[in-house]
Protein backbone atom coordinates (compact mmCIF):
# COMPACT_ATOMS: atom_id res chain seq x y z
CA UNK A 1 0.00 0.00 0.00
CA UNK A 2 1.20 3.52 -0.80
CA UNK A 3 -0.05 6.89 0.29
CA UNK A 4 -1.69 9.25 -0.38
CA UNK A 5 -3.42 7.61 -3.36
CA UNK A 6 -4.42 4.38 -1.66
CA UNK A 7 -8.18 4.09 -1.63
CA UNK A 8 -9.82 0.90 -0.38
CA UNK A 9 -12.81 0.63 -2.74
CA UNK A 10 -14.04 -2.78 -1.60
CA UNK A 11 -13.65 -1.90 2.06
CA UNK A 12 -15.43 1.41 1.44
CA UNK A 13 -18.37 -0.39 -0.15
CA UNK A 14 -18.52 -2.87 2.72
CA UNK A 15 -18.34 -0.06 5.28
CA UNK A 16 -21.33 1.59 3.59
CA UNK A 17 -23.28 -1.67 3.78
CA UNK A 18 -22.36 -2.05 7.44
CA UNK A 19 -23.59 1.44 8.30
CA UNK A 20 -26.86 0.70 6.48
CA UNK A 21 -27.44 -2.44 8.54
CA UNK A 22 -25.53 -1.95 11.83
CA UNK A 23 -25.64 1.18 14.02
CA UNK A 24 -22.12 2.58 14.07
CA UNK A 25 -20.98 0.24 11.33
CA UNK A 26 -19.40 -2.18 13.84
CA UNK A 27 -20.41 -4.31 16.80
CA UNK A 28 -18.10 -2.52 19.21
CA UNK A 29 -17.42 1.21 19.04
CA UNK A 30 -13.66 0.69 19.25
CA UNK A 31 -13.77 -0.96 15.81
CA UNK A 32 -15.70 1.88 14.17
CA UNK A 33 -14.35 3.49 11.01
CA UNK A 34 -14.26 6.81 12.91
CA UNK A 35 -11.27 5.33 14.75
CA UNK A 36 -9.28 5.23 11.50
CA UNK A 37 -8.21 7.88 8.99
CA UNK A 38 -10.79 8.82 6.39
CA UNK A 39 -11.07 6.22 3.59
CA UNK A 40 -8.55 3.98 5.36
CA UNK A 41 -10.74 1.71 7.47
CA UNK A 42 -10.04 -1.80 6.13
CA UNK A 43 -12.63 -4.55 6.30
CA UNK A 44 -10.83 -7.75 7.26
CA UNK A 45 -11.35 -10.97 5.31
CA UNK A 46 -9.09 -13.26 7.32
CA UNK A 47 -6.08 -13.48 9.58
CA UNK A 48 -3.30 -15.93 10.29
CA UNK A 49 -0.80 -15.55 13.08
CA UNK A 50 0.00 -11.85 13.47
CA UNK A 51 -1.11 -10.90 9.95
CA UNK A 52 -4.52 -9.94 8.53
CA UNK A 53 -5.78 -9.30 5.02
CA UNK A 54 -8.46 -6.84 3.91
CA UNK A 55 -11.16 -7.01 1.26
CA UNK A 56 -8.91 -5.11 -1.16
CA UNK A 57 -6.15 -7.70 -0.92
CA UNK A 58 -3.77 -5.74 1.33
CA UNK A 59 -1.76 -7.56 3.99
CA UNK A 60 -1.02 -5.98 7.38
CA UNK A 61 0.98 -6.78 10.48
CA UNK A 62 -1.66 -6.43 13.17
CA UNK A 63 -1.39 -5.05 16.70
CA UNK A 64 -4.03 -5.03 19.40
CA UNK A 65 -5.52 -8.11 17.73
CA UNK A 66 -9.23 -8.42 18.42
CA UNK A 67 -9.00 -5.51 20.87
CA UNK A 68 -6.36 -7.42 22.88
CA UNK A 69 -8.28 -10.71 22.72
CA UNK A 70 -6.13 -12.69 20.28
CA UNK A 71 -2.85 -13.07 22.14
CA UNK A 72 -1.66 -16.33 20.58
CA UNK A 73 -2.27 -15.23 16.99
CA UNK A 74 -5.16 -15.78 14.61
CA UNK A 75 -6.21 -19.37 13.88
CA UNK A 76 -3.78 -20.75 16.44
CA UNK A 77 -3.67 -24.48 15.66
CA UNK A 78 -3.91 -25.69 19.25
CA UNK A 79 -6.98 -23.58 19.89
CA UNK A 80 -8.62 -24.30 16.53
CA UNK A 81 -8.10 -28.04 16.92
CA UNK A 82 -9.57 -28.03 20.42
CA UNK A 83 -12.62 -26.14 19.16
CA UNK A 84 -12.99 -28.43 16.15
CA UNK A 85 -13.05 -31.52 18.36
CA UNK A 86 -15.91 -30.08 20.41
CA UNK A 87 -17.99 -28.92 17.45
CA UNK A 88 -18.60 -32.49 16.33
CA UNK A 89 -20.05 -33.30 19.76
CA UNK A 90 -22.62 -30.49 19.85
CA UNK A 91 -22.29 -27.04 21.35
CA UNK A 92 -25.17 -26.53 23.80
CA UNK A 93 -27.38 -28.85 25.83
CA UNK A 94 -30.29 -28.80 28.27
CA UNK A 95 -27.91 -29.65 31.14
CA UNK A 96 -24.26 -28.81 31.84
CA UNK A 97 -21.65 -30.65 29.80
CA UNK A 98 -18.52 -32.40 31.05
CA UNK A 99 -16.31 -29.67 29.64
CA UNK A 100 -17.93 -27.14 31.99
CA UNK A 101 -16.46 -29.07 34.92
CA UNK A 102 -13.09 -29.41 33.19
CA UNK A 103 -12.90 -25.73 32.22
CA UNK A 104 -13.90 -24.50 35.69
CA UNK A 105 -11.37 -26.71 37.45
CA UNK A 106 -8.64 -25.83 34.95
CA UNK A 107 -9.30 -22.11 35.45
CA UNK A 108 -9.27 -22.37 39.25
CA UNK A 109 -6.04 -24.38 39.16
CA UNK A 110 -4.48 -21.58 37.11
CA UNK A 111 -5.91 -18.67 39.15
CA UNK A 112 -5.61 -20.07 42.70
CA UNK A 113 -6.67 -16.78 44.29
CA UNK A 114 -10.23 -17.59 43.15
CA UNK A 115 -12.41 -20.27 44.76
CA UNK A 116 -15.30 -20.39 42.29
CA UNK A 117 -15.86 -19.31 38.70
CA UNK A 118 -18.80 -18.76 36.38
CA UNK A 119 -18.40 -18.34 32.64
CA UNK A 120 -20.21 -15.98 30.33
CA UNK A 121 -19.64 -14.45 26.88
CA UNK A 122 -18.40 -10.89 27.46
CA UNK A 123 -16.71 -8.66 29.96
CA UNK A 124 -19.65 -6.37 30.62
CA UNK A 125 -21.83 -9.20 31.89
CA UNK A 126 -19.05 -10.36 34.19
CA UNK A 127 -18.33 -6.94 35.73
CA UNK A 128 -22.04 -6.19 36.17
CA UNK A 129 -22.52 -9.55 37.87
CA UNK A 130 -19.67 -8.62 40.23
CA UNK A 131 -21.39 -5.34 41.04
CA UNK A 132 -24.68 -7.14 41.68
CA UNK A 133 -23.02 -9.62 44.03
CA UNK A 134 -21.26 -6.82 45.88
CA UNK A 135 -24.51 -4.93 46.39
CA UNK A 136 -26.25 -8.06 47.65
CA UNK A 137 -23.38 -8.97 49.97
CA UNK A 138 -23.08 -5.51 51.53
CA UNK A 139 -26.63 -4.22 51.34
CA UNK A 140 -25.26 -1.00 49.86
CA UNK A 141 -25.89 0.67 46.52
CA UNK A 142 -23.02 3.07 45.64
CA UNK A 143 -20.19 1.88 43.39
CA UNK A 144 -16.66 3.30 43.59
CA UNK A 145 -14.79 2.94 40.31
CA UNK A 146 -11.40 4.11 39.15
CA UNK A 147 -11.83 7.12 36.88
CA UNK A 148 -8.46 6.60 35.18
CA UNK A 149 -9.45 3.27 33.66
CA UNK A 150 -11.32 3.70 30.38
CA UNK A 151 -13.97 0.99 30.33
CA UNK A 152 -15.74 -1.42 32.66
CA UNK A 153 -19.13 -2.28 31.17
CA UNK A 154 -21.82 -1.42 28.64
CA UNK A 155 -24.35 -1.39 31.50
CA UNK A 156 -25.92 1.70 33.05
CA UNK A 157 -23.78 1.81 36.21
CA UNK A 158 -20.71 2.58 34.09
CA UNK A 159 -21.96 4.17 30.85
CA UNK A 160 -24.04 6.65 32.87
CA UNK A 161 -20.80 8.36 33.86
CA UNK A 162 -19.44 8.74 30.31
CA UNK A 163 -20.28 11.37 27.67
CA UNK A 164 -22.51 8.75 25.99
CA UNK A 165 -25.08 8.72 28.80
CA UNK A 166 -28.20 9.37 26.69
CA UNK A 167 -31.11 7.20 27.83
CA UNK A 168 -29.54 6.35 31.20
CA UNK A 169 -30.89 7.62 34.53
CA UNK A 170 -28.56 9.00 37.18
CA UNK A 171 -26.41 6.25 38.68
CA UNK A 172 -25.15 5.96 42.23
CA UNK A 173 -21.49 5.84 41.25
CA UNK A 174 -18.47 7.73 42.59
CA UNK A 175 -14.95 7.70 41.21
CA UNK A 176 -11.40 7.86 42.51
CA UNK A 177 -8.00 8.34 40.86
CA UNK A 178 -5.57 5.46 40.44
CA UNK A 179 -2.56 5.37 42.72
CA UNK A 180 -3.93 7.72 45.41
CA UNK A 181 -4.87 5.85 48.60
CA UNK A 182 -5.89 9.01 50.44
CA UNK A 183 -8.41 9.87 47.72
CA UNK A 184 -9.86 6.36 47.84
CA UNK A 185 -10.13 6.52 51.62
CA UNK A 186 -12.09 9.79 51.32
CA UNK A 187 -14.51 8.16 48.88
CA UNK A 188 -14.97 5.18 51.19
CA UNK A 189 -15.51 7.42 54.21
CA UNK A 190 -18.05 9.67 52.48
CA UNK A 191 -20.01 7.18 50.37
CA UNK A 192 -19.70 3.69 51.93
CA UNK A 193 -19.80 1.94 48.54
CA UNK A 194 -20.78 -1.66 47.98
CA UNK A 195 -17.60 -2.28 46.04
CA UNK A 196 -14.37 -0.80 44.80
CA UNK A 197 -13.71 -1.76 41.17
CA UNK A 198 -10.50 -1.07 39.25
CA UNK A 199 -8.01 -2.61 36.87
CA UNK A 200 -5.03 -3.67 38.97
CA UNK A 201 -2.69 -2.01 36.44
CA UNK A 202 -2.81 -0.38 33.01
CA UNK A 203 -0.25 1.89 31.34
CA UNK A 204 1.60 2.36 34.60
CA UNK A 205 2.67 -0.16 37.21
CA UNK A 206 0.91 0.19 40.57
CA UNK A 207 2.90 2.34 43.00
CA UNK A 208 4.69 0.39 45.70
CA UNK A 209 2.16 -0.82 48.25
CA UNK A 210 -0.83 0.67 46.41
CA UNK A 211 -2.79 -2.51 45.68
CA UNK A 212 -2.14 -3.80 49.17
CA UNK A 213 -3.43 -0.48 50.49
CA UNK A 214 -6.55 -0.75 48.33
CA UNK A 215 -7.11 -4.27 49.69
CA UNK A 216 -6.77 -3.08 53.28
CA UNK A 217 -9.02 -0.05 52.79
CA UNK A 218 -11.77 -2.10 51.15
CA UNK A 219 -11.66 -4.64 53.97
CA UNK A 220 -11.67 -1.96 56.67
CA UNK A 221 -14.70 -0.24 55.13
CA UNK A 222 -16.63 -3.43 54.39
CA UNK A 223 -16.54 -2.95 50.62
CA UNK A 224 -16.11 -5.78 48.13
CA UNK A 225 -12.86 -5.43 46.16
CA UNK A 226 -13.27 -6.21 42.44
CA UNK A 227 -10.34 -6.49 40.05
CA UNK A 228 -11.24 -6.07 36.39
CA UNK A 229 -8.68 -8.38 34.77
CA UNK A 230 -10.14 -8.34 31.27
CA UNK A 231 -6.82 -6.99 29.97
CA UNK A 232 -4.32 -7.91 32.68
CA UNK A 233 -5.53 -11.50 32.93
CA UNK A 234 -3.03 -13.72 31.05
CA UNK A 235 -1.18 -10.71 29.57
CA UNK A 236 0.41 -9.89 32.95
CA UNK A 237 0.51 -13.51 34.06
CA UNK A 238 -1.57 -16.64 33.49
CA UNK A 239 -2.48 -16.23 37.17
CA UNK A 240 -3.71 -12.71 36.50
CA UNK A 241 -2.25 -9.49 37.83
CA UNK A 242 -3.56 -10.58 41.24
CA UNK A 243 -1.18 -13.53 41.12
CA UNK A 244 1.70 -11.41 39.85
CA UNK A 245 1.31 -8.73 42.53
CA UNK A 246 0.22 -11.09 45.32
CA UNK A 247 -3.12 -9.41 46.08
CA UNK A 248 -6.35 -11.40 46.43
CA UNK A 249 -9.52 -9.48 45.50
CA UNK A 250 -12.95 -10.62 46.60
CA UNK A 251 -14.11 -10.89 42.99
CA UNK A 252 -12.37 -10.62 39.64
CA UNK A 253 -13.32 -10.75 35.99
CA UNK A 254 -11.37 -12.28 33.11
CA UNK A 255 -11.88 -12.33 29.35
CA UNK A 256 -10.23 -11.18 26.12
CA UNK A 257 -7.01 -13.26 26.00
CA UNK A 258 -8.78 -16.13 27.74
CA UNK A 259 -10.39 -17.43 24.53
CA UNK A 260 -7.92 -16.21 21.86
CA UNK A 261 -10.83 -14.60 20.04
CA UNK A 262 -13.59 -17.02 21.03
CA UNK A 263 -16.38 -15.57 23.15
CA UNK A 264 -15.69 -16.54 26.74
CA UNK A 265 -15.21 -14.53 29.91
CA UNK A 266 -15.36 -15.31 33.59
CA UNK A 267 -16.45 -14.02 36.96
CA UNK A 268 -14.34 -15.54 39.72
CA UNK A 269 -13.93 -15.00 43.42
CA UNK A 270 -14.45 -16.02 46.99
CA UNK A 271 -16.86 -18.85 47.66
CA UNK A 272 -18.95 -17.07 50.27
CA UNK A 273 -19.78 -14.28 47.82
CA UNK A 274 -20.06 -16.34 44.65
CA UNK A 275 -22.41 -18.87 46.29
CA UNK A 276 -25.01 -16.13 46.70
CA UNK A 277 -25.73 -16.84 43.05
CA UNK A 278 -25.87 -20.61 43.62
CA UNK A 279 -27.97 -23.21 45.37
CA UNK A 280 -25.96 -23.61 48.58
CA UNK A 281 -26.63 -20.36 50.41
CA UNK A 282 -28.76 -19.25 53.33
CA UNK A 283 -28.80 -15.68 51.97
CA UNK A 284 -31.40 -14.22 49.65
CA UNK A 285 -30.44 -15.53 46.21
CA UNK A 286 -28.75 -13.37 43.55
CA UNK A 287 -29.74 -13.86 39.91
CA UNK A 288 -26.23 -14.37 38.60
CA UNK A 289 -25.12 -14.83 34.99
CA UNK A 290 -27.91 -17.02 33.68
CA UNK A 291 -27.04 -17.14 29.97
CA UNK A 292 -28.07 -19.70 27.38
CA UNK A 293 -24.74 -19.42 25.57
CA UNK A 294 -22.50 -18.83 28.58
CA UNK A 295 -21.01 -22.32 28.49
CA UNK A 296 -20.94 -23.18 24.80
CA UNK A 297 -18.62 -26.15 24.62
CA UNK A 298 -16.36 -24.89 21.86
CA UNK A 299 -15.62 -21.60 23.68
CA UNK A 300 -14.71 -23.47 26.84
CA UNK A 301 -12.50 -25.78 24.78
CA UNK A 302 -10.76 -22.69 23.44
CA UNK A 303 -10.22 -21.40 26.99
CA UNK A 304 -8.69 -24.68 28.12
CA UNK A 305 -6.39 -24.71 25.10
CA UNK A 306 -5.33 -21.12 25.80
CA UNK A 307 -4.59 -21.87 29.46
CA UNK A 308 -2.59 -24.98 28.51
CA UNK A 309 -0.61 -23.03 25.90
CA UNK A 310 0.22 -20.23 28.32
CA UNK A 311 1.31 -22.54 31.12
CA UNK A 312 3.26 -24.99 28.95
CA UNK A 313 4.88 -22.61 26.45
CA UNK A 314 5.63 -19.54 28.57
CA UNK A 315 3.41 -17.28 26.47
CA UNK A 316 3.42 -14.38 28.91
CA UNK A 317 7.22 -14.29 28.88
CA UNK A 318 7.18 -14.24 25.07
CA UNK A 319 4.69 -11.35 25.03
CA UNK A 320 6.96 -9.36 27.32
CA UNK A 321 10.08 -10.15 25.30
CA UNK A 322 8.41 -9.09 22.04
CA UNK A 323 7.06 -5.93 23.62
CA UNK A 324 10.43 -5.02 25.10
CA UNK A 325 12.10 -5.40 21.69
CA UNK A 326 9.42 -3.38 19.93
CA UNK A 327 9.42 -0.59 22.52
CA UNK A 328 13.20 -0.29 22.47
CA UNK A 329 13.24 -0.08 18.67
CA UNK A 330 10.51 2.54 18.53
CA UNK A 331 12.17 4.67 21.20
CA UNK A 332 15.42 4.54 19.25
CA UNK A 333 13.80 5.77 16.04
CA UNK A 334 11.73 8.47 17.74
CA UNK A 335 14.94 9.80 19.27
CA UNK A 336 16.78 9.62 15.95
CA UNK A 337 13.95 11.42 14.14
CA UNK A 338 13.70 14.06 16.89
CA UNK A 339 10.09 13.29 17.80
CA UNK A 340 10.62 11.45 21.10
CA UNK A 341 8.69 14.15 22.97
CA UNK A 342 5.71 13.71 20.66
CA UNK A 343 5.51 10.03 19.65
CA UNK A 344 5.71 7.90 22.77
CA UNK A 345 5.27 4.23 23.48
CA UNK A 346 3.91 3.54 26.94
CA UNK A 347 2.74 0.73 29.17
CA UNK A 348 3.78 -2.74 30.19
CA UNK A 349 5.71 -4.58 27.49
CA UNK A 350 2.84 -7.01 26.93
CA UNK A 351 0.32 -4.18 26.58
CA UNK A 352 1.97 -1.26 24.77
CA UNK A 353 0.05 1.79 23.61
CA UNK A 354 1.28 4.84 21.75
CA UNK A 355 0.69 8.51 22.48
CA UNK A 356 0.65 11.16 19.74
CA UNK A 357 1.32 14.62 21.12
CA UNK A 358 1.16 18.01 19.42
CA UNK A 359 3.70 20.83 19.46
CA UNK A 360 2.64 21.71 23.02
CA UNK A 361 2.99 18.14 24.20
CA UNK A 362 -0.78 17.58 24.46
CA UNK A 363 -2.62 14.47 23.17
CA UNK A 364 -3.78 15.16 19.62
CA UNK A 365 -6.36 13.35 17.49
CA UNK A 366 -5.10 15.09 14.29
CA UNK A 367 -1.54 13.90 14.95
CA UNK A 368 -2.88 10.43 15.79
CA UNK A 369 -4.63 10.47 12.42
CA UNK A 370 -1.39 11.34 10.65
CA UNK A 371 0.48 8.58 12.49
CA UNK A 372 -2.17 5.90 11.87
CA UNK A 373 -2.32 6.86 8.21
CA UNK A 374 1.42 6.40 7.80
CA UNK A 375 1.33 3.07 9.61
CA UNK A 376 -1.47 1.80 7.39
CA UNK A 377 0.44 2.88 4.32
CA UNK A 378 3.36 0.80 5.51
CA UNK A 379 1.23 -2.26 6.14
CA UNK A 380 0.80 -1.88 9.92
CA UNK A 381 -2.70 -1.86 11.42
CA UNK A 382 -3.67 -1.38 15.04
CA UNK A 383 -4.93 1.23 17.49
CA UNK A 384 -2.00 0.35 19.75
CA UNK A 385 1.27 -1.58 19.80
CA UNK A 386 -0.20 -4.43 21.86
CA UNK A 387 1.70 -7.52 20.73
CA UNK A 388 0.58 -11.08 20.08
CA UNK A 389 2.79 -14.11 20.57
CA UNK A 390 2.59 -14.83 16.82
CA UNK A 391 4.76 -11.85 15.88
CA UNK A 392 8.17 -12.71 14.47
CA UNK A 393 11.47 -10.86 14.68
CA UNK A 394 10.96 -9.86 11.04
CA UNK A 395 7.54 -8.43 11.94
CA UNK A 396 9.06 -6.36 14.72
CA UNK A 397 11.87 -5.15 12.45
CA UNK A 398 9.40 -4.18 9.73
CA UNK A 399 7.23 -2.34 12.25
CA UNK A 400 10.18 -0.31 13.49
CA UNK A 401 11.05 0.62 9.87
CA UNK A 402 7.49 1.81 9.21
CA UNK A 403 7.43 3.78 12.48
CA UNK A 404 10.69 5.46 11.46
CA UNK A 405 9.15 6.55 8.15
CA UNK A 406 6.03 7.74 9.98
CA UNK A 407 8.18 9.75 12.39
CA UNK A 408 9.80 11.51 9.44
CA UNK A 409 6.40 12.73 8.31
CA UNK A 410 5.46 13.55 11.91
CA UNK A 411 8.55 15.77 12.18
CA UNK A 412 7.52 17.64 9.02
CA UNK A 413 4.07 18.25 10.50
CA UNK A 414 5.55 19.48 13.78
CA UNK A 415 7.86 21.84 11.92
CA UNK A 416 4.90 23.13 9.89
CA UNK A 417 2.81 23.45 13.05
CA UNK A 418 -0.08 21.75 11.29
CA UNK A 419 -0.70 18.03 10.59
CA UNK A 420 -3.65 18.70 8.26
CA UNK A 421 -1.78 18.21 4.94
CA UNK A 422 -0.82 14.69 6.03
CA UNK A 423 -4.16 13.61 7.56
CA UNK A 424 -5.99 12.73 4.35
CA UNK A 425 -9.30 14.05 5.72
CA UNK A 426 -11.11 14.41 9.03
CA UNK A 427 -9.33 13.40 12.24
CA UNK A 428 -10.04 10.18 14.08
CA UNK A 429 -12.36 10.63 17.04
CA UNK A 430 -12.52 9.43 20.65
CA UNK A 431 -14.97 6.59 21.28
CA UNK A 432 -16.76 8.34 24.15
CA UNK A 433 -18.28 11.57 22.87
CA UNK A 434 -21.74 13.05 23.18
CA UNK A 435 -22.42 13.70 19.48
CA UNK A 436 -21.36 11.89 16.32
């Protein structure tokens, strides 16, 4: 692909058909064509390993695969074969299948900080179930969530606090900043929330003693501590970030990497809380994750295969090694091209993101548009630099070369004080905004 004359006619036609049939043109806002430069939103036909192909025949090295869900690479043979074996047996029955026992026990063996687990199909259902359990267990309504973490659920308790709150009544939710124990203690003192929910880590490592402090504060104030491990689970460690940092939450949620692209997520936690949604409790029962498709056999087979691959092949270590190599290469070229203060790679090696800053050092959607456009032209697609284990050394080397070329254009835009000539059209937009 070359720029600027690189239209994607087949993808454009498919995007138009999507918008005619699907609100937003995608089934998750983060995949919308507004997240990509104008006329450069490829429609994917297939993927293999760390590469994908679009409807116009272009091949890309892909980052952030499946919004961080495909960590082993597309069509990973171990996962595909496990799924294929289950498909011939049937996928859904009137009673639980044997693989539900096997998957639950395998998960709990891998995440020993949890005592029970219940599977579902997406992260939002799992986090909302955690909130429901916390409210039932404490008899309280308010929710305390970390304002620095971008997404917890599609349900009202979270979306009501975003700019896309149309149609949602006022929610009893308060927020706190990450890394500040004093601020969290103030929230707990003033609001007595049912739970404290946060990602254990994101772009920055938790400050020394922070997660332990959060654990102690939640216990002292009688609040249920919930770790959202949709991203950190498996990427930080197959035991989750809770295993890596040695902190046991009351409840936690897993997904994304857990199925390598297949629809499976999990709510896990302490038995005394989880059993409120079961049949062995003296408490008033909680209606907890009752989903027809929550335990489809092929998705659970995928989860078992993913867990086995991670534990037997050291996948987390490979993700970190690849991310370290990529980050070091990008930092070298941004320094060489004199844009290190404006194009930055951030985060844990297994979960790298990039920041695009303007001449004043502020986050810029126009400069992000320029950067994404140059990456696409060089055959690199992704809203981040989140690696998959399928990337090769050659893929990393090629990515660094493309980033170097992109940084050359970025420098020209900085010198001109205006990225517009290199954007190719309107800027990309943030997902959460009040108007289209």
